[in-house]
């Protein structure tokens, strides 16, 4: 039962302050984020300014505004502002790197079997264009410590490994990867790292410059609660000459000398709506004002909520938690009992439970494990059997009673008689 005196027993931010449908129990902040109403109002203000005089705004005002935004983001994520490129999402960040880099035939690009499907597709594309090979490190799940993840990645490195794609926080399994250890260890082996930090900013404290990865991409519209379409790519200064935007525009032959080619090419890629980017500083400040203690307090509360929710779900379904608390941020993934099943049966069960949850106005993603796209790509055999996972997120509008109700529903599907 939920302790009614616990700070986790009530939302730290009232649901009315968010634009979410109040009839839905939303436990899926991790997929696309959610934005407070006040931040959406700020975005509307930027759009109004843009439309009042598009020429003045885009051609004369925007450059200085983007300098300001990158400065604010850099202070938040521990990076130099001039090493940041603003993008629409982290998938675009991974694609930017993989489209830009070239490999020799026989080179290897390392990823893990927990990698996000879209990012892994970008890696496969980037490797295939030059005849390189994608190698997958197998990360245990359940997992007992970050050491297991570290050892699995390093064991997959060979003299041919040139680049590694590593999640900061995995999507399906919701694991915080030990990138602070992996990046320097891989660098010692001559391997650059692109960190897919889609879930990093706002979930875990970030010091990108200290991490030292060649490339780090992160979203603002997930855990920082900025509007959709706000993301960044950090490129280490010594690698910036290698990286080009996906859209080549005026910056490619701009003869200005007051800005780097990296800055000129990335800051203008064609006409667009920059309001999501310009609202980012308001999201940083606005979220920090919700709780005493600001962002550290937000991250701590969401972490404690996610850990407690995972334990609650595991107990209700008489299963086990899948990772230690130190590898959990603001999401937890729990395995449903009864599996594994053949793919078709796992798919059938997943769709049945999803439909039932939607009918009860719950939003929480179910996923198959291992990732089915690894079968489709030939990395796993066709007769692979699958477990079902449910991933729950914790954001300031959530509280433990919501997970308790979800636990009761899932216990019924698992055939568990709760007292």
Protein backbone atom coordinates (compact mmCIF):
# COMPACT_ATOMS: atom_id res chain seq x y z
CA UNK A 1 0.00 0.00 0.00
CA UNK A 2 1.11 3.55 -0.67
CA UNK A 3 2.33 5.50 2.36
CA UNK A 4 0.07 8.56 2.30
CA UNK A 5 2.71 10.59 4.14
CA UNK A 6 5.37 9.92 1.51
CA UNK A 7 6.24 12.80 -0.85
CA UNK A 8 5.78 10.23 -3.62
CA UNK A 9 2.11 9.81 -2.73
CA UNK A 10 1.06 13.06 -4.42
CA UNK A 11 2.17 14.87 -7.58
CA UNK A 12 4.86 17.48 -7.09
CA UNK A 13 3.31 19.43 -9.97
CA UNK A 14 -0.50 19.54 -10.34
CA UNK A 15 -1.86 17.74 -13.38
CA UNK A 16 -3.72 20.91 -14.34
CA UNK A 17 -0.38 22.60 -15.01
CA UNK A 18 0.28 20.16 -17.85
CA UNK A 19 -1.46 19.85 -21.22
CA UNK A 20 -2.04 16.11 -20.81
CA UNK A 21 -5.52 14.61 -21.10
CA UNK A 22 -6.75 14.53 -17.46
CA UNK A 23 -8.81 11.38 -18.11
CA UNK A 24 -5.67 9.34 -18.93
CA UNK A 25 -3.18 8.00 -16.39
CA UNK A 26 -0.04 8.96 -18.27
CA UNK A 27 2.93 6.80 -17.24
CA UNK A 28 4.85 7.19 -20.49
CA UNK A 29 6.72 10.46 -20.28
CA UNK A 30 9.75 8.67 -21.72
CA UNK A 31 8.37 8.17 -25.20
CA UNK A 32 7.79 11.76 -26.32
CA UNK A 33 7.83 13.81 -23.13
CA UNK A 34 5.16 16.25 -22.01
CA UNK A 35 5.25 20.02 -21.77
CA UNK A 36 3.78 22.28 -19.06
CA UNK A 37 1.12 24.72 -20.21
CA UNK A 38 3.24 27.69 -19.15
CA UNK A 39 6.06 26.56 -21.45
CA UNK A 40 3.66 26.08 -24.34
CA UNK A 41 2.46 29.64 -23.77
CA UNK A 42 6.06 30.84 -24.08
CA UNK A 43 6.39 28.96 -27.35
CA UNK A 44 3.24 30.65 -28.65
CA UNK A 45 4.81 33.98 -27.83
CA UNK A 46 7.86 33.16 -29.93
CA UNK A 47 5.67 32.05 -32.82
CA UNK A 48 3.74 35.31 -32.64
CA UNK A 49 6.99 37.27 -32.83
CA UNK A 50 8.12 35.20 -35.80
CA UNK A 51 4.91 35.73 -37.73
CA UNK A 52 4.77 39.44 -36.94
CA UNK A 53 7.79 39.98 -39.19
CA UNK A 54 9.34 36.75 -40.52
CA UNK A 55 12.12 38.54 -42.39
CA UNK A 56 13.30 40.53 -39.39
CA UNK A 57 12.98 37.56 -37.06
CA UNK A 58 14.69 34.90 -39.20
CA UNK A 59 17.21 37.05 -41.10
CA UNK A 60 18.20 39.61 -38.45
CA UNK A 61 17.22 38.49 -34.95
CA UNK A 62 17.60 34.72 -34.96
CA UNK A 63 21.39 34.43 -34.92
CA UNK A 64 21.75 36.25 -31.59
CA UNK A 65 18.79 34.34 -30.17
CA UNK A 66 20.36 31.00 -31.04
CA UNK A 67 23.62 32.09 -29.39
CA UNK A 68 21.60 32.75 -26.23
CA UNK A 69 19.80 29.39 -26.41
CA UNK A 70 23.00 27.43 -26.90
CA UNK A 71 24.58 29.26 -23.98
CA UNK A 72 21.69 28.28 -21.71
CA UNK A 73 21.74 24.66 -22.88
CA UNK A 74 25.52 24.48 -22.55
CA UNK A 75 25.35 25.64 -18.94
CA UNK A 76 22.74 22.98 -18.19
CA UNK A 77 24.52 20.02 -19.84
CA UNK A 78 28.12 20.99 -19.07
CA UNK A 79 29.25 21.91 -22.56
CA UNK A 80 30.71 24.85 -24.45
CA UNK A 81 27.89 26.61 -26.29
CA UNK A 82 29.87 26.84 -29.52
CA UNK A 83 30.22 23.04 -29.66
CA UNK A 84 26.44 22.55 -29.81
CA UNK A 85 24.29 22.20 -32.91
CA UNK A 86 20.53 22.52 -32.45
CA UNK A 87 18.42 19.82 -34.09
CA UNK A 88 14.86 18.50 -33.96
CA UNK A 89 15.53 15.17 -32.21
CA UNK A 90 18.30 12.83 -31.07
CA UNK A 91 17.68 10.49 -34.01
CA UNK A 92 18.69 13.38 -36.29
CA UNK A 93 21.83 13.74 -34.17
CA UNK A 94 22.85 10.12 -34.64
CA UNK A 95 22.06 10.34 -38.36
CA UNK A 96 24.11 13.52 -38.73
CA UNK A 97 27.19 11.75 -37.37
CA UNK A 98 26.71 8.52 -39.33
CA UNK A 99 25.99 10.33 -42.59
CA UNK A 100 29.14 12.41 -42.16
CA UNK A 101 31.73 9.81 -41.14
CA UNK A 102 33.50 7.54 -43.60
CA UNK A 103 34.88 4.08 -42.95
CA UNK A 104 37.24 1.67 -44.63
CA UNK A 105 35.99 -1.67 -45.88
CA UNK A 106 36.26 -4.14 -43.02
CA UNK A 107 36.01 -1.51 -40.28
CA UNK A 108 33.64 -2.27 -37.42
CA UNK A 109 31.03 -0.06 -35.79
CA UNK A 110 30.05 -1.25 -32.33
CA UNK A 111 26.55 -0.97 -30.86
CA UNK A 112 24.61 -2.98 -28.27
CA UNK A 113 21.56 -5.20 -28.41
CA UNK A 114 19.76 -2.59 -26.24
CA UNK A 115 20.20 0.16 -28.85
CA UNK A 116 17.18 2.13 -30.02
CA UNK A 117 15.92 0.79 -33.35
CA UNK A 118 16.06 4.14 -35.17
CA UNK A 119 19.62 4.83 -34.02
CA UNK A 120 20.69 1.30 -34.88
CA UNK A 121 19.22 1.74 -38.37
CA UNK A 122 21.33 4.88 -38.78
CA UNK A 123 24.42 2.93 -37.73
CA UNK A 124 23.66 0.17 -40.22
CA UNK A 125 23.21 2.75 -42.97
CA UNK A 126 26.43 4.56 -42.14
CA UNK A 127 28.44 1.34 -41.99
CA UNK A 128 26.95 -0.20 -45.14
CA UNK A 129 27.74 2.75 -47.40
CA UNK A 130 31.48 2.08 -46.97
CA UNK A 131 31.46 -1.68 -46.48
CA UNK A 132 31.94 -1.57 -42.70
CA UNK A 133 30.42 -4.11 -40.34
CA UNK A 134 28.08 -3.56 -37.38
CA UNK A 135 28.96 -5.59 -34.27
CA UNK A 136 26.52 -5.90 -31.37
CA UNK A 137 27.65 -6.25 -27.78
CA UNK A 138 25.22 -8.37 -25.76
CA UNK A 139 24.26 -6.61 -22.53
CA UNK A 140 22.68 -8.91 -19.93
CA UNK A 141 19.08 -8.28 -18.93
CA UNK A 142 18.25 -8.65 -16.09
CA UNK A 143 21.50 -7.00 -15.05
CA UNK A 144 23.11 -6.84 -11.62
CA UNK A 145 25.67 -4.03 -11.95
CA UNK A 146 27.15 -1.49 -14.37
CA UNK A 147 30.25 -3.69 -14.49
CA UNK A 148 28.34 -6.24 -16.54
CA UNK A 149 27.51 -3.62 -19.16
CA UNK A 150 31.05 -2.26 -19.18
CA UNK A 151 32.60 -5.71 -19.59
CA UNK A 152 30.18 -6.71 -22.35
CA UNK A 153 30.94 -3.61 -24.43
CA UNK A 154 34.70 -3.83 -24.00
CA UNK A 155 34.71 -7.55 -24.83
CA UNK A 156 33.20 -6.75 -28.24
CA UNK A 157 35.98 -4.29 -29.22
CA UNK A 158 38.48 -5.49 -31.82
CA UNK A 159 41.40 -3.80 -33.62
CA UNK A 160 38.92 -3.02 -36.41
CA UNK A 161 36.47 -1.11 -34.18
CA UNK A 162 36.39 2.55 -35.24
CA UNK A 163 33.19 3.91 -33.71
CA UNK A 164 30.78 2.91 -30.95
CA UNK A 165 27.14 3.92 -30.53
CA UNK A 166 26.21 3.84 -26.85
CA UNK A 167 22.93 4.77 -25.22
CA UNK A 168 23.23 6.96 -22.16
CA UNK A 169 19.87 5.56 -21.05
CA UNK A 170 18.50 2.64 -23.05
CA UNK A 171 14.96 2.99 -24.36
CA UNK A 172 13.42 -0.48 -24.10
CA UNK A 173 15.23 -1.62 -20.95
CA UNK A 174 15.63 1.82 -19.27
CA UNK A 175 19.22 1.20 -18.12
CA UNK A 176 21.70 3.96 -17.33
CA UNK A 177 24.84 2.84 -19.11
CA UNK A 178 28.28 3.53 -17.55
CA UNK A 179 29.34 5.91 -20.32
CA UNK A 180 31.63 7.88 -17.99
CA UNK A 181 33.79 4.74 -17.79
CA UNK A 182 33.20 3.44 -21.30
CA UNK A 183 34.11 6.59 -23.24
CA UNK A 184 37.71 6.87 -21.94
CA UNK A 185 38.21 3.10 -22.03
CA UNK A 186 37.16 3.01 -25.68
CA UNK A 187 39.29 6.06 -26.47
CA UNK A 188 42.31 4.16 -25.17
CA UNK A 189 41.50 1.52 -27.82
CA UNK A 190 41.24 4.18 -30.54
CA UNK A 191 37.43 4.11 -30.68
CA UNK A 192 35.33 7.28 -30.93
CA UNK A 193 31.91 7.23 -29.27
CA UNK A 194 28.60 8.72 -30.31
CA UNK A 195 26.36 8.79 -27.24
CA UNK A 196 22.65 8.50 -27.93
CA UNK A 197 21.55 10.63 -25.00
CA UNK A 198 17.90 10.90 -26.02
CA UNK A 199 16.89 10.34 -22.39
CA UNK A 200 19.92 11.92 -20.73
CA UNK A 201 19.21 15.67 -20.33
CA UNK A 202 16.90 16.25 -17.41
CA UNK A 203 16.97 12.63 -16.25
CA UNK A 204 20.58 12.40 -15.06
CA UNK A 205 23.15 15.10 -14.21
CA UNK A 206 25.18 15.87 -17.33
CA UNK A 207 28.76 17.09 -17.79
CA UNK A 208 29.26 16.44 -21.47
CA UNK A 209 32.68 18.05 -21.70
CA UNK A 210 33.92 15.87 -18.83
CA UNK A 211 32.49 12.72 -20.41
CA UNK A 212 34.67 13.49 -23.40
CA UNK A 213 32.76 11.64 -26.11
CA UNK A 214 33.42 12.71 -29.68
CA UNK A 215 29.66 13.07 -30.19
CA UNK A 216 26.72 13.39 -27.78
CA UNK A 217 23.14 13.96 -28.88
CA UNK A 218 20.25 14.64 -26.52
CA UNK A 219 16.61 15.69 -26.49
CA UNK A 220 15.07 18.67 -24.77
CA UNK A 221 11.49 17.55 -25.32
CA UNK A 222 11.73 14.46 -23.10
CA UNK A 223 12.93 14.96 -19.53
CA UNK A 224 13.66 18.68 -19.82
CA UNK A 225 10.00 19.17 -20.83
CA UNK A 226 10.74 21.61 -23.64
CA UNK A 227 8.43 21.61 -26.69
CA UNK A 228 8.63 18.83 -29.27
CA UNK A 229 11.42 19.33 -31.78
CA UNK A 230 14.13 20.52 -29.40
CA UNK A 231 17.39 18.55 -29.43
CA UNK A 232 21.12 19.12 -29.70
CA UNK A 233 24.24 17.48 -31.05
CA UNK A 234 27.49 18.15 -29.22
CA UNK A 235 30.56 17.64 -31.37
CA UNK A 236 33.96 17.74 -29.72
CA UNK A 237 36.02 20.59 -31.13
CA UNK A 238 38.62 18.31 -32.76
CA UNK A 239 35.91 16.44 -34.67
CA UNK A 240 33.81 19.34 -35.94
CA UNK A 241 35.48 19.53 -39.35
CA UNK A 242 34.23 15.97 -40.03
CA UNK A 243 30.55 16.62 -39.35
CA UNK A 244 28.09 18.19 -41.78
CA UNK A 245 24.37 18.86 -41.27
CA UNK A 246 21.85 16.63 -42.99
CA UNK A 247 20.66 19.69 -44.93
CA UNK A 248 23.47 21.49 -46.74
CA UNK A 249 22.55 25.17 -47.08
CA UNK A 250 24.03 28.67 -47.28
CA UNK A 251 26.65 28.05 -44.61
CA UNK A 252 28.62 25.73 -46.89
CA UNK A 253 30.08 28.68 -48.81
CA UNK A 254 29.49 31.57 -46.43
CA UNK A 255 32.66 33.70 -46.43
CA UNK A 256 32.22 35.07 -42.92
CA UNK A 257 35.25 34.66 -40.67
CA UNK A 258 33.69 35.63 -37.34
CA UNK A 259 32.10 32.20 -36.93
CA UNK A 260 33.30 28.64 -37.37
CA UNK A 261 32.21 26.66 -40.40
CA UNK A 262 30.47 24.28 -37.96
CA UNK A 263 28.44 27.20 -36.59
CA UNK A 264 27.60 28.66 -40.01
CA UNK A 265 26.45 25.34 -41.44
CA UNK A 266 24.36 24.13 -38.51
CA UNK A 267 22.65 27.36 -37.46
CA UNK A 268 20.88 27.77 -40.79
CA UNK A 269 19.64 24.74 -42.73
CA UNK A 270 16.65 26.37 -44.41
CA UNK A 271 13.43 28.07 -43.36
CA UNK A 272 11.96 26.53 -40.20
CA UNK A 273 10.05 27.29 -37.02
CA UNK A 274 12.66 27.84 -34.27
CA UNK A 275 10.10 28.33 -31.49
CA UNK A 276 10.80 24.97 -29.82
CA UNK A 277 14.50 25.84 -29.55
CA UNK A 278 13.82 29.36 -28.31
CA UNK A 279 11.51 28.05 -25.59
CA UNK A 280 14.20 25.75 -24.19
CA UNK A 281 15.65 28.29 -21.70
CA UNK A 282 12.15 28.89 -20.31
CA UNK A 283 11.76 25.14 -19.80
CA UNK A 284 15.08 24.94 -17.96
CA UNK A 285 14.14 27.79 -15.63
CA UNK A 286 10.44 26.98 -15.35
CA UNK A 287 10.94 23.35 -14.36
CA UNK A 288 13.60 24.33 -11.81
CA UNK A 289 11.10 26.62 -10.10
CA UNK A 290 8.58 23.83 -9.51
CA UNK A 291 10.56 22.22 -6.69
CA UNK A 292 12.75 23.60 -3.94
CA UNK A 293 16.20 22.40 -4.88
CA UNK A 294 15.58 22.81 -8.61
CA UNK A 295 16.78 20.24 -11.11
CA UNK A 296 18.77 18.06 -8.69
CA UNK A 297 15.61 17.69 -6.60
CA UNK A 298 13.52 16.89 -9.70
CA UNK A 299 15.93 14.18 -10.84
CA UNK A 300 16.09 12.71 -7.34
CA UNK A 301 12.32 12.62 -6.90
CA UNK A 302 11.74 11.06 -10.33
CA UNK A 303 14.43 8.46 -9.64
CA UNK A 304 12.89 7.50 -6.31
CA UNK A 305 9.46 7.32 -7.92
CA UNK A 306 10.71 5.08 -10.74
CA UNK A 307 12.52 2.72 -8.37
CA UNK A 308 9.47 2.46 -6.10
CA UNK A 309 7.16 1.93 -9.08
CA UNK A 310 9.37 -0.85 -10.43
CA UNK A 311 9.45 -2.59 -7.08
CA UNK A 312 5.68 -2.25 -6.75
CA UNK A 313 5.04 -3.77 -10.18
CA UNK A 314 7.49 -6.61 -9.59
CA UNK A 315 5.89 -7.47 -6.27
CA UNK A 316 2.38 -7.35 -7.72
CA UNK A 317 3.26 -9.71 -10.56
CA UNK A 318 5.49 -11.90 -8.36
CA UNK A 319 8.47 -11.29 -10.61
CA UNK A 320 11.81 -9.55 -10.07
CA UNK A 321 13.19 -6.11 -10.71
CA UNK A 322 15.51 -6.15 -13.70
CA UNK A 323 18.28 -3.73 -12.68
CA UNK A 324 19.87 -2.24 -9.55
CA UNK A 325 18.69 1.18 -8.46
CA UNK A 326 21.98 2.78 -9.55
CA UNK A 327 21.15 1.88 -13.17
CA UNK A 328 17.65 3.36 -13.03
CA UNK A 329 16.89 6.99 -13.76
CA UNK A 330 13.30 8.16 -14.23
CA UNK A 331 12.07 4.96 -15.90
CA UNK A 332 11.86 1.34 -14.84
CA UNK A 333 11.23 -1.73 -16.98
CA UNK A 334 9.69 -4.87 -15.50
CA UNK A 335 9.35 -8.29 -17.10
CA UNK A 336 5.85 -9.78 -17.14
CA UNK A 337 5.73 -13.39 -15.91
CA UNK A 338 4.85 -16.38 -18.08
CA UNK A 339 7.28 -16.00 -20.98
CA UNK A 340 9.13 -16.48 -23.12
CA UNK A 341 6.79 -17.16 -26.03
CA UNK A 342 7.18 -17.57 -29.79
CA UNK A 343 7.06 -14.22 -31.55
CA UNK A 344 3.47 -14.44 -32.76
CA UNK A 345 2.18 -15.40 -29.33
CA UNK A 346 4.20 -12.69 -27.59
CA UNK A 347 2.83 -10.17 -30.08
CA UNK A 348 -0.74 -11.38 -29.48
CA UNK A 349 -0.40 -11.11 -25.71
CA UNK A 350 1.21 -7.70 -25.93
CA UNK A 351 -1.58 -6.31 -28.11
CA UNK A 352 -4.23 -7.77 -25.80
CA UNK A 353 -2.72 -6.13 -22.71
CA UNK A 354 -2.15 -2.85 -24.54
CA UNK A 355 -5.78 -2.74 -25.61
CA UNK A 356 -6.92 -3.50 -22.08
CA UNK A 357 -4.74 -0.74 -20.63
CA UNK A 358 -6.01 1.78 -23.15
CA UNK A 359 -9.55 0.76 -22.30
CA UNK A 360 -8.78 1.57 -18.68
CA UNK A 361 -7.21 4.90 -19.71
CA UNK A 362 -3.63 3.95 -18.91
CA UNK A 363 -0.71 4.96 -21.11
CA UNK A 364 2.34 2.76 -20.50
CA UNK A 365 4.33 0.98 -23.24
CA UNK A 366 4.69 -2.77 -23.53
CA UNK A 367 7.63 -4.15 -25.48
CA UNK A 368 9.02 -7.49 -26.54
CA UNK A 369 12.42 -8.65 -25.33
CA UNK A 370 14.83 -9.28 -26.91
CA UNK A 371 14.20 -6.51 -29.43
CA UNK A 372 12.34 -8.08 -32.38
CA UNK A 373 14.17 -5.91 -34.92
CA UNK A 374 17.30 -7.92 -34.11
CA UNK A 375 15.56 -10.96 -35.56
CA UNK A 376 14.54 -9.01 -38.65
CA UNK A 377 18.14 -7.89 -39.19
CA UNK A 378 19.52 -11.41 -38.78
CA UNK A 379 21.32 -10.74 -35.50
CA UNK A 380 19.07 -13.27 -33.74
CA UNK A 381 17.64 -16.52 -35.12
CA UNK A 382 14.06 -16.62 -36.50
CA UNK A 383 12.94 -19.01 -33.73
CA UNK A 384 13.91 -16.59 -30.94
CA UNK A 385 11.36 -16.51 -28.14
CA UNK A 386 10.31 -13.31 -26.44
CA UNK A 387 9.39 -12.02 -23.02
CA UNK A 388 7.10 -9.05 -22.47
CA UNK A 389 8.29 -5.93 -20.69
CA UNK A 390 6.38 -2.95 -19.39
CA UNK A 391 8.18 0.36 -18.95
CA UNK A 392 6.90 3.03 -16.60
CA UNK A 393 8.10 6.61 -16.40
CA UNK A 394 8.11 9.02 -13.48
CA UNK A 395 7.61 12.75 -13.93
CA UNK A 396 6.43 15.44 -11.52
CA UNK A 397 2.76 14.96 -12.43
CA UNK A 398 2.89 11.27 -11.42
CA UNK A 399 2.40 9.72 -7.98
CA UNK A 400 2.59 6.24 -6.48
CA UNK A 401 -1.16 5.60 -6.45
CA UNK A 402 -1.11 5.50 -10.25
CA UNK A 403 1.44 2.69 -10.29
CA UNK A 404 -0.47 0.87 -7.59
CA UNK A 405 -3.58 0.84 -9.79
CA UNK A 406 -1.51 -0.33 -12.76
CA UNK A 407 -0.03 -3.08 -10.57
CA UNK A 408 -3.49 -4.39 -9.75
CA UNK A 409 -4.41 -4.54 -13.43
CA UNK A 410 -1.21 -6.30 -14.44
CA UNK A 411 -1.44 -8.73 -11.54
CA UNK A 412 -4.77 -9.81 -12.97
CA UNK A 413 -3.21 -10.49 -16.36
CA UNK A 414 -0.40 -12.42 -14.68
CA UNK A 415 -2.91 -14.58 -12.79
CA UNK A 416 -1.69 -13.38 -9.40
CA UNK A 417 -4.16 -13.25 -6.54
CA UNK A 418 -3.32 -10.15 -4.52
CA UNK A 419 -4.33 -9.95 -0.86
